[in-house]
Amino acid sequence: ARQGRVRGVCKALHTGARHQVWQIEIFDEQGRLCCSSRLTTAIV
């Protein structure tokens, strides 16, 4: 998206005792997917 607003959606795919996995998607004003990423974190 070069202009206008974007909307981000974050969903937990796994939330365990030692790690978490999150799916992040960013959509433009027309609802088209602009970016998709996955984040894995370690719980220490």
N, C-alpha and C. Protein backbone atom coordinates (compact mmCIF):
# COMPACT_ATOMS: atom_id res chain seq x y z
N ALA A 1 0.85 -1.18 0.00
CA ALA A 1 0.00 0.00 0.00
C ALA A 1 0.89 1.24 0.00
N ARG A 2 0.69 2.09 -0.97
CA ARG A 2 1.49 3.31 -1.06
C ARG A 2 0.79 4.49 -0.43
N GLN A 3 -0.51 4.38 -0.24
CA GLN A 3 -1.27 5.45 0.41
C GLN A 3 -2.51 4.86 1.05
N GLY A 4 -3.16 5.65 1.89
CA GLY A 4 -4.36 5.18 2.57
C GLY A 4 -4.01 4.42 3.85
N ARG A 5 -5.01 3.79 4.38
CA ARG A 5 -4.85 3.06 5.64
C ARG A 5 -4.60 1.58 5.40
N VAL A 6 -3.95 0.96 6.36
CA VAL A 6 -3.78 -0.48 6.36
C VAL A 6 -4.32 -1.02 7.68
N ARG A 7 -4.67 -2.30 7.69
CA ARG A 7 -5.21 -2.94 8.89
C ARG A 7 -4.39 -4.18 9.16
N GLY A 8 -3.94 -4.32 10.40
CA GLY A 8 -3.16 -5.47 10.80
C GLY A 8 -3.98 -6.42 11.65
N VAL A 9 -3.81 -7.72 11.40
CA VAL A 9 -4.50 -8.76 12.16
C VAL A 9 -3.44 -9.72 12.69
N CYS A 10 -3.46 -9.95 13.98
CA CYS A 10 -2.50 -10.85 14.62
C CYS A 10 -3.26 -11.98 15.29
N LYS A 11 -2.86 -13.21 14.99
CA LYS A 11 -3.55 -14.38 15.54
C LYS A 11 -2.52 -15.32 16.15
N ALA A 12 -2.80 -15.78 17.37
CA ALA A 12 -1.92 -16.75 18.03
C ALA A 12 -2.17 -18.12 17.43
N LEU A 13 -1.12 -18.72 16.86
CA LEU A 13 -1.23 -20.07 16.31
C LEU A 13 -0.90 -21.12 17.36
N HIS A 14 0.01 -20.76 18.28
CA HIS A 14 0.39 -21.68 19.36
C HIS A 14 0.87 -20.85 20.55
N THR A 15 0.33 -21.11 21.72
CA THR A 15 0.81 -20.46 22.94
C THR A 15 1.10 -21.55 23.97
N GLY A 16 2.33 -21.96 23.99
CA GLY A 16 2.75 -23.01 24.91
C GLY A 16 3.52 -22.45 26.09
N ALA A 17 4.01 -23.34 26.93
CA ALA A 17 4.74 -22.93 28.12
C ALA A 17 6.13 -22.40 27.78
N ARG A 18 6.73 -22.87 26.68
CA ARG A 18 8.10 -22.48 26.33
C ARG A 18 8.22 -21.62 25.08
N HIS A 19 7.21 -21.64 24.21
CA HIS A 19 7.27 -20.78 23.03
C HIS A 19 5.87 -20.44 22.53
N GLN A 20 5.81 -19.37 21.73
CA GLN A 20 4.57 -18.92 21.11
C GLN A 20 4.81 -18.70 19.63
N VAL A 21 3.78 -18.94 18.82
CA VAL A 21 3.85 -18.70 17.38
C VAL A 21 2.67 -17.81 17.01
N TRP A 22 2.96 -16.70 16.32
CA TRP A 22 1.95 -15.72 15.94
C TRP A 22 1.95 -15.54 14.43
N GLN A 23 0.76 -15.39 13.83
CA GLN A 23 0.59 -15.08 12.41
C GLN A 23 0.13 -13.64 12.31
N ILE A 24 0.84 -12.82 11.53
CA ILE A 24 0.49 -11.41 11.34
C ILE A 24 0.20 -11.17 9.87
N GLU A 25 -0.96 -10.56 9.59
CA GLU A 25 -1.33 -10.22 8.21
C GLU A 25 -1.71 -8.75 8.15
N ILE A 26 -1.29 -8.06 7.08
CA ILE A 26 -1.60 -6.66 6.88
C ILE A 26 -2.38 -6.52 5.58
N PHE A 27 -3.52 -5.81 5.66
CA PHE A 27 -4.43 -5.64 4.53
C PHE A 27 -4.56 -4.16 4.18
N ASP A 28 -4.76 -3.86 2.88
CA ASP A 28 -4.99 -2.48 2.46
C ASP A 28 -6.47 -2.14 2.60
N GLU A 29 -6.85 -0.93 2.17
CA GLU A 29 -8.24 -0.47 2.31
C GLU A 29 -9.23 -1.31 1.52
N GLN A 30 -8.78 -1.96 0.45
CA GLN A 30 -9.65 -2.80 -0.37
C GLN A 30 -9.72 -4.23 0.17
N GLY A 31 -9.04 -4.51 1.26
CA GLY A 31 -9.06 -5.85 1.84
C GLY A 31 -8.06 -6.81 1.22
N ARG A 32 -7.17 -6.28 0.38
CA ARG A 32 -6.15 -7.13 -0.24
C ARG A 32 -4.99 -7.34 0.72
N LEU A 33 -4.47 -8.56 0.74
CA LEU A 33 -3.35 -8.90 1.60
C LEU A 33 -2.08 -8.23 1.07
N CYS A 34 -1.42 -7.42 1.91
CA CYS A 34 -0.18 -6.74 1.53
C CYS A 34 1.05 -7.45 2.09
N CYS A 35 0.90 -8.03 3.27
CA CYS A 35 2.05 -8.63 3.94
C CYS A 35 1.57 -9.74 4.87
N SER A 36 2.34 -10.80 4.93
CA SER A 36 2.05 -11.90 5.84
C SER A 36 3.36 -12.32 6.49
N SER A 37 3.36 -12.48 7.80
CA SER A 37 4.57 -12.92 8.48
C SER A 37 4.21 -13.80 9.66
N ARG A 38 5.21 -14.54 10.12
CA ARG A 38 5.04 -15.43 11.26
C ARG A 38 6.16 -15.12 12.25
N LEU A 39 5.80 -15.01 13.52
CA LEU A 39 6.74 -14.68 14.58
C LEU A 39 6.75 -15.81 15.60
N THR A 40 7.94 -16.30 15.91
CA THR A 40 8.11 -17.32 16.94
C THR A 40 8.92 -16.72 18.07
N THR A 41 8.41 -16.83 19.29
CA THR A 41 9.10 -16.28 20.46
C THR A 41 9.36 -17.39 21.48
N ALA A 42 10.46 -17.26 22.19
CA ALA A 42 10.80 -18.19 23.27
C ALA A 42 10.44 -17.53 24.60
N ILE A 43 9.83 -18.29 25.48
CA ILE A 43 9.48 -17.80 26.81
C ILE A 43 10.59 -18.26 27.76
N VAL A 44 11.28 -17.29 28.37
CA VAL A 44 12.38 -17.64 29.27
C VAL A 44 12.08 -17.19 30.69
